[in-house]
Amino acid sequence: MCTSIALTTKDTYIGRNLDLEYAFGEKVVITPRQFPLQFHKMPALETHQAIIGMASVAEGYPLYAEGVNESGVYMAGLNFPGNAYYPPEGGAGEALAPYELIPWLLGTCKTAAEAAEHMKRIPLLGVPFRPDMPLAPLHWHIADRHGAFVAEPVAEGVKVYPDPVGVLTNNPPFPFHRTNLTQYRGLSAAQPDNTLDPALELPTFGQGMGAIGLPGDWSPASRYIRTAFCKRNSVCENSEESSVSQFFHLLDTVAMPRGAVRTPEGNCDITRYSCCINTATGTYYYKTYDNCAITAVALTEERRAGDRLLEFPLDTRLRITFQEG
């Protein structure tokens, strides 16, 4: 359960909510240009573009949930159970395991369109990182300042779609979400006209009535509609502070409070973290479920140029400021 957004003000900001019932060892990780990246069937990348994002690190390898490279290309994996299909290992030639996609594509691509083209032609490889780490069923949001794409690995192959809305959630497949938008074309941030019976006096009794019918549950289809509506009507200043603040407010509209969503096993899905990345600077902003203050990690030139992974444990401690009168 996740939601990903691409928003442009003065710069382009891209990020997501990660909704999950458990922690996975996540931390902000910078993969600098000189850190060697190994792959099953692709040549190793001894040098590549620097990457910043949220990842767990296993055996010294960054397993990214999402990230952005120094060219401003973003890629995020979102849960896609029941639909994701990865062909088993076999055959010759180039192929990428799902967990290798973000390091390879962000390491090599300078635009989202280039990454989307690679997704069309490079086969996926259904091989887990380790036997005790099964592959997550994912589809991917790919974006930069020029536009966004969705890549979905299904039984017929990898389908790549342009994403003019700049939003992705989970199941059903992306074409459903685009079609489903049509059912909500009458929503508006403005007060509604009385089209039921203009001869009747039917005054509105509160603000926001133009959005009556906007779904409020946490299903992927409803989160998609709610996020698309809020993003389409978003208003903020062009400053960094206003843009980052607005981005997190958009993510908050679909965040999961503990207890609102329960898995079949009885566990609670929560929004473990929310992130916002300025694609022009590579600055990675985040907040966690227990710490709603925003923390930032900068992708500085010094950090880009190294040869060792840089790991930044999450600041999860709630901080409350008591104001003196």
C-alpha atoms as a PDB file:
ATOM      1  CA  MET A   1       0.000   0.000   0.000  1.00  0.00           C
ATOM      2  CA  CYS A   2       1.713   3.171  -1.188  1.00  0.00           C
ATOM      3  CA  THR A   3       1.083   6.470  -2.946  1.00  0.00           C
ATOM      4  CA  SER A   4       3.554   8.297  -5.217  1.00  0.00           C
ATOM      5  CA  ILE A   5       3.251  11.888  -6.496  1.00  0.00           C
ATOM      6  CA  ALA A   6       5.102  14.162  -8.926  1.00  0.00           C
ATOM      7  CA  LEU A   7       4.457  17.890  -8.362  1.00  0.00           C
ATOM      8  CA  THR A   8       6.005  20.872 -10.127  1.00  0.00           C
ATOM      9  CA  THR A   9       6.197  24.388  -8.678  1.00  0.00           C
ATOM     10  CA  LYS A  10       9.451  26.293  -9.283  1.00  0.00           C
ATOM     11  CA  ASP A  11      11.243  22.939  -9.137  1.00  0.00           C
ATOM     12  CA  THR A  12       9.874  19.418  -9.492  1.00  0.00           C
ATOM     13  CA  TYR A  13       9.206  17.510  -6.271  1.00  0.00           C
ATOM     14  CA  ILE A  14       8.621  13.780  -6.285  1.00  0.00           C
ATOM     15  CA  GLY A  15       8.035  11.360  -3.440  1.00  0.00           C
ATOM     16  CA  ARG A  16       5.727   8.931  -1.768  1.00  0.00           C
ATOM     17  CA  ASN A  17       4.048   7.451   1.252  1.00  0.00           C
ATOM     18  CA  LEU A  18       5.280   3.982   2.108  1.00  0.00           C
ATOM     19  CA  ASP A  19       2.456   2.118   3.843  1.00  0.00           C
ATOM     20  CA  LEU A  20       3.462  -1.155   5.461  1.00  0.00           C
ATOM     21  CA  GLU A  21       2.760  -3.229   8.541  1.00  0.00           C
ATOM     22  CA  TYR A  22       6.437  -3.743   9.430  1.00  0.00           C
ATOM     23  CA  ALA A  23       9.805  -2.016   9.238  1.00  0.00           C
ATOM     24  CA  PHE A  24      12.306  -3.319   6.679  1.00  0.00           C
ATOM     25  CA  GLY A  25      15.509  -1.747   7.947  1.00  0.00           C
ATOM     26  CA  GLU A  26      14.852   1.431   5.975  1.00  0.00           C
ATOM     27  CA  LYS A  27      17.259   4.353   6.078  1.00  0.00           C
ATOM     28  CA  VAL A  28      18.257   7.157   3.737  1.00  0.00           C
ATOM     29  CA  VAL A  29      21.095   5.836   1.573  1.00  0.00           C
ATOM     30  CA  ILE A  30      23.370   7.674  -0.852  1.00  0.00           C
ATOM     31  CA  THR A  31      25.078   5.569  -3.500  1.00  0.00           C
ATOM     32  CA  PRO A  32      27.962   7.743  -4.737  1.00  0.00           C
ATOM     33  CA  ARG A  33      29.319   7.697  -8.268  1.00  0.00           C
ATOM     34  CA  GLN A  34      32.300   5.471  -7.537  1.00  0.00           C
ATOM     35  CA  PHE A  35      30.486   2.770  -5.537  1.00  0.00           C
ATOM     36  CA  PRO A  36      30.560  -0.387  -7.706  1.00  0.00           C
ATOM     37  CA  LEU A  37      27.135  -1.843  -8.488  1.00  0.00           C
ATOM     38  CA  GLN A  38      26.941  -5.542  -9.392  1.00  0.00           C
ATOM     39  CA  PHE A  39      24.129  -7.237 -11.332  1.00  0.00           C
ATOM     40  CA  HIS A  40      23.197 -10.823 -12.231  1.00  0.00           C
ATOM     41  CA  LYS A  41      23.252 -10.446 -16.013  1.00  0.00           C
ATOM     42  CA  MET A  42      24.265  -6.864 -16.693  1.00  0.00           C
ATOM     43  CA  PRO A  43      27.840  -5.557 -16.671  1.00  0.00           C
ATOM     44  CA  ALA A  44      28.856  -4.018 -13.369  1.00  0.00           C
ATOM     45  CA  LEU A  45      28.694  -0.246 -13.053  1.00  0.00           C
ATOM     46  CA  GLU A  46      32.040   0.868 -11.676  1.00  0.00           C
ATOM     47  CA  THR A  47      31.033   4.509 -12.137  1.00  0.00           C
ATOM     48  CA  HIS A  48      27.516   5.872 -12.509  1.00  0.00           C
ATOM     49  CA  GLN A  49      25.240   8.697 -11.440  1.00  0.00           C
ATOM     50  CA  ALA A  50      24.895   9.257  -7.718  1.00  0.00           C
ATOM     51  CA  ILE A  51      21.587   8.158  -6.154  1.00  0.00           C
ATOM     52  CA  ILE A  52      19.785   9.174  -2.970  1.00  0.00           C
ATOM     53  CA  GLY A  53      16.697   7.470  -1.585  1.00  0.00           C
ATOM     54  CA  MET A  54      15.196   5.193   1.038  1.00  0.00           C
ATOM     55  CA  ALA A  55      16.675   1.707   1.131  1.00  0.00           C
ATOM     56  CA  SER A  56      17.650  -1.213   3.249  1.00  0.00           C
ATOM     57  CA  VAL A  57      21.237  -2.396   2.860  1.00  0.00           C
ATOM     58  CA  ALA A  58      21.865  -6.152   2.600  1.00  0.00           C
ATOM     59  CA  GLU A  59      25.372  -7.537   2.255  1.00  0.00           C
ATOM     60  CA  GLY A  60      26.552  -4.051   1.303  1.00  0.00           C
ATOM     61  CA  TYR A  61      23.981  -3.692  -1.522  1.00  0.00           C
ATOM     62  CA  PRO A  62      21.381  -0.873  -1.529  1.00  0.00           C
ATOM     63  CA  LEU A  63      17.840  -2.228  -1.930  1.00  0.00           C
ATOM     64  CA  TYR A  64      15.968   0.957  -2.788  1.00  0.00           C
ATOM     65  CA  ALA A  65      12.264   1.477  -2.219  1.00  0.00           C
ATOM     66  CA  GLU A  66      12.589   4.748  -4.140  1.00  0.00           C
ATOM     67  CA  GLY A  67      15.308   7.141  -5.154  1.00  0.00           C
ATOM     68  CA  VAL A  68      16.393   9.981  -7.396  1.00  0.00           C
ATOM     69  CA  ASN A  69      19.641  10.429  -9.282  1.00  0.00           C
ATOM     70  CA  GLU A  70      21.704  13.559  -9.798  1.00  0.00           C
ATOM     71  CA  SER A  71      20.002  14.172 -13.164  1.00  0.00           C
ATOM     72  CA  GLY A  72      16.658  14.432 -11.372  1.00  0.00           C
ATOM     73  CA  VAL A  73      15.192  11.082 -12.456  1.00  0.00           C
ATOM     74  CA  TYR A  74      12.971   9.425  -9.835  1.00  0.00           C
ATOM     75  CA  MET A  75      11.863   5.808  -9.546  1.00  0.00           C
ATOM     76  CA  ALA A  76       9.731   4.172  -6.869  1.00  0.00           C
ATOM     77  CA  GLY A  77       8.452   0.632  -6.424  1.00  0.00           C
ATOM     78  CA  LEU A  78       4.862   0.268  -5.196  1.00  0.00           C
ATOM     79  CA  ASN A  79       3.062  -2.889  -4.146  1.00  0.00           C
ATOM     80  CA  PHE A  80       1.341  -4.693  -7.030  1.00  0.00           C
ATOM     81  CA  PRO A  81       0.320  -8.129  -5.645  1.00  0.00           C
ATOM     82  CA  GLY A  82      -1.608 -10.567  -7.780  1.00  0.00           C
ATOM     83  CA  ASN A  83      -0.603  -8.787 -10.988  1.00  0.00           C
ATOM     84  CA  ALA A  84       3.191  -8.507 -10.926  1.00  0.00           C
ATOM     85  CA  TYR A  85       4.902 -11.243 -12.923  1.00  0.00           C
ATOM     86  CA  TYR A  86       8.654 -11.846 -13.097  1.00  0.00           C
ATOM     87  CA  PRO A  87       9.859 -14.501 -15.571  1.00  0.00           C
ATOM     88  CA  PRO A  88      12.040 -17.186 -13.972  1.00  0.00           C
ATOM     89  CA  GLU A  89      15.748 -17.152 -14.655  1.00  0.00           C
ATOM     90  CA  GLY A  90      16.675 -18.503 -18.062  1.00  0.00           C
ATOM     91  CA  GLY A  91      17.876 -17.548 -21.492  1.00  0.00           C
ATOM     92  CA  ALA A  92      20.823 -15.451 -22.516  1.00  0.00           C
ATOM     93  CA  GLY A  93      21.412 -11.740 -22.798  1.00  0.00           C
ATOM     94  CA  GLU A  94      20.665  -8.722 -20.661  1.00  0.00           C
ATOM     95  CA  ALA A  95      18.142  -8.887 -17.823  1.00  0.00           C
ATOM     96  CA  LEU A  96      17.565  -7.198 -14.484  1.00  0.00           C
ATOM     97  CA  ALA A  97      16.163  -8.587 -11.241  1.00  0.00           C
ATOM     98  CA  PRO A  98      13.432  -6.314  -9.839  1.00  0.00           C
ATOM     99  CA  TYR A  99      15.637  -5.118  -6.958  1.00  0.00           C
ATOM    100  CA  GLU A 100      18.333  -4.190  -9.502  1.00  0.00           C
ATOM    101  CA  LEU A 101      16.074  -1.877 -11.507  1.00  0.00           C
ATOM    102  CA  ILE A 102      16.396   1.277  -9.411  1.00  0.00           C
ATOM    103  CA  PRO A 103      20.211   1.113  -9.048  1.00  0.00           C
ATOM    104  CA  TRP A 104      20.739   0.322 -12.733  1.00  0.00           C
ATOM    105  CA  LEU A 105      18.217   2.729 -14.251  1.00  0.00           C
ATOM    106  CA  LEU A 106      19.030   5.632 -11.939  1.00  0.00           C
ATOM    107  CA  GLY A 107      22.718   4.872 -12.309  1.00  0.00           C
ATOM    108  CA  THR A 108      22.575   5.129 -16.103  1.00  0.00           C
ATOM    109  CA  CYS A 109      19.574   7.230 -17.229  1.00  0.00           C
ATOM    110  CA  LYS A 110      19.454  11.008 -17.532  1.00  0.00           C
ATOM    111  CA  THR A 111      15.708  11.310 -18.208  1.00  0.00           C
ATOM    112  CA  ALA A 112      12.541   9.512 -17.167  1.00  0.00           C
ATOM    113  CA  ALA A 113      11.747   8.875 -20.840  1.00  0.00           C
ATOM    114  CA  GLU A 114      15.068   7.072 -21.239  1.00  0.00           C
ATOM    115  CA  ALA A 115      14.343   4.934 -18.175  1.00  0.00           C
ATOM    116  CA  ALA A 116      10.875   4.129 -19.528  1.00  0.00           C
ATOM    117  CA  GLU A 117      12.378   2.967 -22.847  1.00  0.00           C
ATOM    118  CA  HIS A 118      14.780   0.658 -21.011  1.00  0.00           C
ATOM    119  CA  MET A 119      11.827  -0.801 -19.079  1.00  0.00           C
ATOM    120  CA  LYS A 120      10.228  -1.737 -22.407  1.00  0.00           C
ATOM    121  CA  ARG A 121      13.238  -3.616 -23.755  1.00  0.00           C
ATOM    122  CA  ILE A 122      15.210  -5.107 -20.837  1.00  0.00           C
ATOM    123  CA  PRO A 123      13.694  -8.390 -19.593  1.00  0.00           C
ATOM    124  CA  LEU A 124      13.043  -8.864 -15.904  1.00  0.00           C
ATOM    125  CA  LEU A 125      14.650 -11.712 -14.040  1.00  0.00           C
ATOM    126  CA  GLY A 126      12.648 -13.515 -11.370  1.00  0.00           C
ATOM    127  CA  VAL A 127      15.577 -14.081  -9.037  1.00  0.00           C
ATOM    128  CA  PRO A 128      15.467 -12.929  -5.379  1.00  0.00           C
ATOM    129  CA  PHE A 129      18.360 -11.213  -3.690  1.00  0.00           C
ATOM    130  CA  ARG A 130      18.614 -14.184  -1.316  1.00  0.00           C
ATOM    131  CA  PRO A 131      16.465 -17.299  -0.834  1.00  0.00           C
ATOM    132  CA  ASP A 132      15.191 -15.859   2.463  1.00  0.00           C
ATOM    133  CA  MET A 133      14.251 -12.541   0.768  1.00  0.00           C
ATOM    134  CA  PRO A 134      11.460 -13.256  -1.728  1.00  0.00           C
ATOM    135  CA  LEU A 135      10.808 -10.753  -4.487  1.00  0.00           C
ATOM    136  CA  ALA A 136       8.229  -8.076  -3.714  1.00  0.00           C
ATOM    137  CA  PRO A 137       5.421  -7.824  -6.310  1.00  0.00           C
ATOM    138  CA  LEU A 138       5.884  -4.285  -7.629  1.00  0.00           C
ATOM    139  CA  HIS A 139       5.066  -1.803 -10.326  1.00  0.00           C
ATOM    140  CA  TRP A 140       7.097   1.384 -10.715  1.00  0.00           C
ATOM    141  CA  HIS A 141       6.558   5.129 -10.902  1.00  0.00           C
ATOM    142  CA  ILE A 142       9.208   6.860 -13.043  1.00  0.00           C
ATOM    143  CA  ALA A 143       9.325  10.654 -13.296  1.00  0.00           C
ATOM    144  CA  ASP A 144      11.393  13.781 -13.792  1.00  0.00           C
ATOM    145  CA  ARG A 145      10.719  17.461 -14.472  1.00  0.00           C
ATOM    146  CA  HIS A 146       9.492  16.610 -17.993  1.00  0.00           C
ATOM    147  CA  GLY A 147       6.840  14.031 -17.111  1.00  0.00           C
ATOM    148  CA  ALA A 148       5.996  10.682 -15.562  1.00  0.00           C
ATOM    149  CA  PHE A 149       5.513   7.037 -16.555  1.00  0.00           C
ATOM    150  CA  VAL A 150       4.195   3.848 -14.984  1.00  0.00           C
ATOM    151  CA  ALA A 151       5.843   0.476 -15.672  1.00  0.00           C
ATOM    152  CA  GLU A 152       3.921  -2.691 -14.827  1.00  0.00           C
ATOM    153  CA  PRO A 153       5.377  -6.219 -15.147  1.00  0.00           C
ATOM    154  CA  VAL A 154       2.443  -8.471 -16.035  1.00  0.00           C
ATOM    155  CA  ALA A 155       2.215 -11.927 -17.621  1.00  0.00           C
ATOM    156  CA  GLU A 156       2.119 -10.398 -21.125  1.00  0.00           C
ATOM    157  CA  GLY A 157       5.341  -8.484 -20.490  1.00  0.00           C
ATOM    158  CA  VAL A 158       6.304  -5.096 -19.066  1.00  0.00           C
ATOM    159  CA  LYS A 159       3.676  -2.488 -19.933  1.00  0.00           C
ATOM    160  CA  VAL A 160       4.805   1.152 -19.874  1.00  0.00           C
ATOM    161  CA  TYR A 161       2.235   3.962 -19.774  1.00  0.00           C
ATOM    162  CA  PRO A 162       2.568   7.755 -19.901  1.00  0.00           C
ATOM    163  CA  ASP A 163       1.265   9.247 -16.642  1.00  0.00           C
ATOM    164  CA  PRO A 164      -0.150  12.731 -17.251  1.00  0.00           C
ATOM    165  CA  VAL A 165      -1.713  12.826 -13.762  1.00  0.00           C
ATOM    166  CA  GLY A 166       1.580  12.267 -11.925  1.00  0.00           C
ATOM    167  CA  VAL A 167       0.073   9.880  -9.369  1.00  0.00           C
ATOM    168  CA  LEU A 168       0.387   6.140  -8.700  1.00  0.00           C
ATOM    169  CA  THR A 169      -1.014   3.867  -5.984  1.00  0.00           C
ATOM    170  CA  ASN A 170      -1.395   0.065  -6.062  1.00  0.00           C
ATOM    171  CA  ASN A 171      -3.836  -2.404  -7.661  1.00  0.00           C
ATOM    172  CA  PRO A 172      -5.704  -2.543 -10.007  1.00  0.00           C
ATOM    173  CA  PRO A 173      -3.415  -2.038 -13.030  1.00  0.00           C
ATOM    174  CA  PHE A 174      -2.815   1.527 -14.158  1.00  0.00           C
ATOM    175  CA  PRO A 175      -5.343   1.580 -17.053  1.00  0.00           C
ATOM    176  CA  PHE A 176      -8.122   1.042 -14.498  1.00  0.00           C
ATOM    177  CA  HIS A 177      -7.066   4.107 -12.499  1.00  0.00           C
ATOM    178  CA  ARG A 178      -7.043   6.286 -15.614  1.00  0.00           C
ATOM    179  CA  THR A 179     -10.515   5.055 -16.625  1.00  0.00           C
ATOM    180  CA  ASN A 180     -11.824   5.356 -13.078  1.00  0.00           C
ATOM    181  CA  LEU A 181     -11.022   9.084 -13.072  1.00  0.00           C
ATOM    182  CA  THR A 182     -13.899   9.589 -15.496  1.00  0.00           C
ATOM    183  CA  GLN A 183     -16.397   8.723 -12.764  1.00  0.00           C
ATOM    184  CA  TYR A 184     -15.205  11.743 -10.756  1.00  0.00           C
ATOM    185  CA  ARG A 185     -15.016  14.357 -13.511  1.00  0.00           C
ATOM    186  CA  GLY A 186     -17.715  16.406 -11.779  1.00  0.00           C
ATOM    187  CA  LEU A 187     -15.676  17.035  -8.624  1.00  0.00           C
ATOM    188  CA  SER A 188     -14.580  20.596  -7.978  1.00  0.00           C
ATOM    189  CA  ALA A 189     -12.762  22.595  -5.318  1.00  0.00           C
ATOM    190  CA  ALA A 190     -15.320  25.361  -5.931  1.00  0.00           C
ATOM    191  CA  GLN A 191     -18.849  25.445  -4.581  1.00  0.00           C
ATOM    192  CA  PRO A 192     -21.243  23.479  -6.828  1.00  0.00           C
ATOM    193  CA  ASP A 193     -23.956  24.925  -9.017  1.00  0.00           C
ATOM    194  CA  ASN A 194     -27.509  23.808  -8.409  1.00  0.00           C
ATOM    195  CA  THR A 195     -27.998  21.599 -11.445  1.00  0.00           C
ATOM    196  CA  LEU A 196     -30.506  19.350  -9.666  1.00  0.00           C
ATOM    197  CA  ASP A 197     -33.326  21.895  -9.944  1.00  0.00           C
ATOM    198  CA  PRO A 198     -32.344  25.539 -10.531  1.00  0.00           C
ATOM    199  CA  ALA A 199     -35.935  26.556  -9.722  1.00  0.00           C
ATOM    200  CA  LEU A 200     -35.459  25.375  -6.121  1.00  0.00           C
ATOM    201  CA  GLU A 201     -33.571  27.399  -3.573  1.00  0.00           C
ATOM    202  CA  LEU A 202     -30.874  24.993  -2.470  1.00  0.00           C
ATOM    203  CA  PRO A 203     -28.186  27.049  -0.728  1.00  0.00           C
ATOM    204  CA  THR A 204     -24.923  25.400   0.269  1.00  0.00           C
ATOM    205  CA  PHE A 205     -24.423  25.045   4.005  1.00  0.00           C
ATOM    206  CA  GLY A 206     -20.646  24.749   4.151  1.00  0.00           C
ATOM    207  CA  GLN A 207     -17.447  25.017   2.152  1.00  0.00           C
ATOM    208  CA  GLY A 208     -16.080  22.073   0.171  1.00  0.00           C
ATOM    209  CA  MET A 209     -19.393  20.786  -1.163  1.00  0.00           C
ATOM    210  CA  GLY A 210     -18.070  20.714  -4.720  1.00  0.00           C
ATOM    211  CA  ALA A 211     -16.056  17.655  -3.728  1.00  0.00           C
ATOM    212  CA  ILE A 212     -18.981  15.638  -2.344  1.00  0.00           C
ATOM    213  CA  GLY A 213     -18.397  12.120  -3.638  1.00  0.00           C
ATOM    214  CA  LEU A 214     -14.618  12.253  -3.232  1.00  0.00           C
ATOM    215  CA  PRO A 215     -13.771   8.805  -1.763  1.00  0.00           C
ATOM    216  CA  GLY A 216     -12.393   8.833   1.756  1.00  0.00           C
ATOM    217  CA  ASP A 217     -11.257   5.238   2.298  1.00  0.00           C
ATOM    218  CA  TRP A 218      -7.700   3.882   1.987  1.00  0.00           C
ATOM    219  CA  SER A 219      -8.179   1.476  -0.910  1.00  0.00           C
ATOM    220  CA  PRO A 220      -5.709   2.019  -3.765  1.00  0.00           C
ATOM    221  CA  ALA A 221      -8.445   3.173  -6.170  1.00  0.00           C
ATOM    222  CA  SER A 222      -9.791   5.711  -3.668  1.00  0.00           C
ATOM    223  CA  ARG A 223      -6.336   6.968  -2.714  1.00  0.00           C
ATOM    224  CA  TYR A 224      -5.593   7.478  -6.406  1.00  0.00           C
ATOM    225  CA  ILE A 225      -8.702   9.622  -6.908  1.00  0.00           C
ATOM    226  CA  ARG A 226      -8.174  11.611  -3.703  1.00  0.00           C
ATOM    227  CA  THR A 227      -4.517  12.290  -4.494  1.00  0.00           C
ATOM    228  CA  ALA A 228      -5.269  13.240  -8.102  1.00  0.00           C
ATOM    229  CA  PHE A 229      -7.969  15.679  -6.939  1.00  0.00           C
ATOM    230  CA  CYS A 230      -5.822  17.304  -4.264  1.00  0.00           C
ATOM    231  CA  LYS A 231      -2.777  17.541  -6.555  1.00  0.00           C
ATOM    232  CA  ARG A 232      -4.832  19.021  -9.403  1.00  0.00           C
ATOM    233  CA  ASN A 233      -6.196  21.719  -7.096  1.00  0.00           C
ATOM    234  CA  SER A 234      -2.956  22.298  -5.177  1.00  0.00           C
ATOM    235  CA  VAL A 235      -1.943  25.931  -4.581  1.00  0.00           C
ATOM    236  CA  CYS A 236       1.355  27.006  -3.034  1.00  0.00           C
ATOM    237  CA  GLU A 237       4.156  29.521  -3.448  1.00  0.00           C
ATOM    238  CA  ASN A 238       7.274  28.707  -5.440  1.00  0.00           C
ATOM    239  CA  SER A 239       9.636  28.797  -2.464  1.00  0.00           C
ATOM    240  CA  GLU A 240      11.338  25.638  -1.252  1.00  0.00           C
ATOM    241  CA  GLU A 241       9.630  25.841   2.139  1.00  0.00           C
ATOM    242  CA  SER A 242       6.150  26.293   0.680  1.00  0.00           C
ATOM    243  CA  SER A 243       6.637  23.579  -1.945  1.00  0.00           C
ATOM    244  CA  VAL A 244       7.940  21.011   0.524  1.00  0.00           C
ATOM    245  CA  SER A 245       5.220  21.835   3.040  1.00  0.00           C
ATOM    246  CA  GLN A 246       2.523  21.517   0.368  1.00  0.00           C
ATOM    247  CA  PHE A 247       3.934  18.219  -0.871  1.00  0.00           C
ATOM    248  CA  PHE A 248       3.700  16.655   2.578  1.00  0.00           C
ATOM    249  CA  HIS A 249       0.169  18.003   3.002  1.00  0.00           C
ATOM    250  CA  LEU A 250      -0.798  16.234  -0.220  1.00  0.00           C
ATOM    251  CA  LEU A 251       0.666  12.976   1.059  1.00  0.00           C
ATOM    252  CA  ASP A 252      -1.112  13.480   4.380  1.00  0.00           C
ATOM    253  CA  THR A 253      -4.493  13.305   2.617  1.00  0.00           C
ATOM    254  CA  VAL A 254      -3.921   9.570   2.013  1.00  0.00           C
ATOM    255  CA  ALA A 255      -1.704   8.678   5.002  1.00  0.00           C
ATOM    256  CA  MET A 256      -2.794   5.710   7.126  1.00  0.00           C
ATOM    257  CA  PRO A 257      -3.231   6.172  10.885  1.00  0.00           C
ATOM    258  CA  ARG A 258      -2.621   3.060  12.944  1.00  0.00           C
ATOM    259  CA  GLY A 259      -5.787   0.985  13.234  1.00  0.00           C
ATOM    260  CA  ALA A 260      -7.599   2.323  10.159  1.00  0.00           C
ATOM    261  CA  VAL A 261      -6.287  -0.427   7.847  1.00  0.00           C
ATOM    262  CA  ARG A 262      -5.850  -4.016   9.031  1.00  0.00           C
ATOM    263  CA  THR A 263      -4.272  -6.852   7.070  1.00  0.00           C
ATOM    264  CA  PRO A 264      -5.852 -10.338   6.849  1.00  0.00           C
ATOM    265  CA  GLU A 265      -3.434 -11.371   9.616  1.00  0.00           C
ATOM    266  CA  GLY A 266      -4.825  -8.645  11.876  1.00  0.00           C
ATOM    267  CA  ASN A 267      -1.788  -6.351  11.644  1.00  0.00           C
ATOM    268  CA  CYS A 268      -2.035  -2.599  11.106  1.00  0.00           C
ATOM    269  CA  ASP A 269      -0.820  -0.983   7.922  1.00  0.00           C
ATOM    270  CA  ILE A 270       0.572   2.457   8.686  1.00  0.00           C
ATOM    271  CA  THR A 271       2.387   5.127   6.714  1.00  0.00           C
ATOM    272  CA  ARG A 272       5.866   4.243   7.919  1.00  0.00           C
ATOM    273  CA  TYR A 273       7.393   7.250   6.225  1.00  0.00           C
ATOM    274  CA  SER A 274       6.589   9.994   3.749  1.00  0.00           C
ATOM    275  CA  CYS A 275       9.261  11.541   1.547  1.00  0.00           C
ATOM    276  CA  CYS A 276       9.665  14.491  -0.799  1.00  0.00           C
ATOM    277  CA  ILE A 277      12.677  14.891  -3.088  1.00  0.00           C
ATOM    278  CA  ASN A 278      13.655  18.080  -4.873  1.00  0.00           C
ATOM    279  CA  THR A 279      14.835  16.662  -8.196  1.00  0.00           C
ATOM    280  CA  ALA A 280      16.872  19.802  -8.991  1.00  0.00           C
ATOM    281  CA  THR A 281      19.017  19.616  -5.850  1.00  0.00           C
ATOM    282  CA  GLY A 282      18.651  15.976  -4.795  1.00  0.00           C
ATOM    283  CA  THR A 283      17.615  17.041  -1.288  1.00  0.00           C
ATOM    284  CA  TYR A 284      15.682  14.211   0.355  1.00  0.00           C
ATOM    285  CA  TYR A 285      13.065  15.288   2.899  1.00  0.00           C
ATOM    286  CA  TYR A 286      11.219  12.775   5.055  1.00  0.00           C
ATOM    287  CA  LYS A 287       9.067  12.297   8.115  1.00  0.00           C
ATOM    288  CA  THR A 288       8.136   9.078   9.894  1.00  0.00           C
ATOM    289  CA  TYR A 289       5.020   7.788  11.572  1.00  0.00           C
ATOM    290  CA  ASP A 290       6.274   8.712  15.039  1.00  0.00           C
ATOM    291  CA  ASN A 291       8.175  11.861  14.076  1.00  0.00           C
ATOM    292  CA  CYS A 292       6.111  14.326  12.069  1.00  0.00           C
ATOM    293  CA  ALA A 293       8.960  16.872  11.976  1.00  0.00           C
ATOM    294  CA  ILE A 294      10.639  17.049   8.563  1.00  0.00           C
ATOM    295  CA  THR A 295      14.251  15.837   8.335  1.00  0.00           C
ATOM    296  CA  ALA A 296      16.448  16.484   5.296  1.00  0.00           C
ATOM    297  CA  VAL A 297      19.504  14.783   3.801  1.00  0.00           C
ATOM    298  CA  ALA A 298      21.398  16.777   1.161  1.00  0.00           C
ATOM    299  CA  LEU A 299      23.013  15.187  -1.886  1.00  0.00           C
ATOM    300  CA  THR A 300      26.096  17.384  -1.780  1.00  0.00           C
ATOM    301  CA  GLU A 301      28.887  17.218  -4.315  1.00  0.00           C
ATOM    302  CA  GLU A 302      31.176  15.688  -1.703  1.00  0.00           C
ATOM    303  CA  ARG A 303      28.659  12.926  -1.021  1.00  0.00           C
ATOM    304  CA  ARG A 304      28.112  12.300  -4.740  1.00  0.00           C
ATOM    305  CA  ALA A 305      31.802  11.828  -5.443  1.00  0.00           C
ATOM    306  CA  GLY A 306      32.699   9.075  -2.944  1.00  0.00           C
ATOM    307  CA  ASP A 307      33.080   5.314  -3.294  1.00  0.00           C
ATOM    308  CA  ARG A 308      31.253   4.044  -0.183  1.00  0.00           C
ATOM    309  CA  LEU A 309      27.581   3.878   0.632  1.00  0.00           C
ATOM    310  CA  LEU A 310      26.438   6.613   2.997  1.00  0.00           C
ATOM    311  CA  GLU A 311      23.703   5.507   5.400  1.00  0.00           C
ATOM    312  CA  PHE A 312      21.544   7.867   7.467  1.00  0.00           C
ATOM    313  CA  PRO A 313      19.388   6.140  10.115  1.00  0.00           C
ATOM    314  CA  LEU A 314      15.897   7.592  10.341  1.00  0.00           C
ATOM    315  CA  ASP A 315      15.084  10.120  13.021  1.00  0.00           C
ATOM    316  CA  THR A 316      11.960   8.494  14.476  1.00  0.00           C
ATOM    317  CA  ARG A 317      11.847  10.252  17.849  1.00  0.00           C
ATOM    318  CA  LEU A 318       8.864  12.538  18.351  1.00  0.00           C
ATOM    319  CA  ARG A 319      10.047  16.071  19.079  1.00  0.00           C
ATOM    320  CA  ILE A 320       7.712  18.531  20.750  1.00  0.00           C
ATOM    321  CA  THR A 321       8.674  22.163  21.189  1.00  0.00           C
ATOM    322  CA  PHE A 322       7.240  23.913  24.245  1.00  0.00           C
ATOM    323  CA  GLN A 323       6.820  27.584  23.515  1.00  0.00           C
ATOM    324  CA  GLU A 324       7.449  30.110  26.235  1.00  0.00           C
ATOM    325  CA  GLY A 325       5.022  33.004  26.570  1.00  0.00           C
END
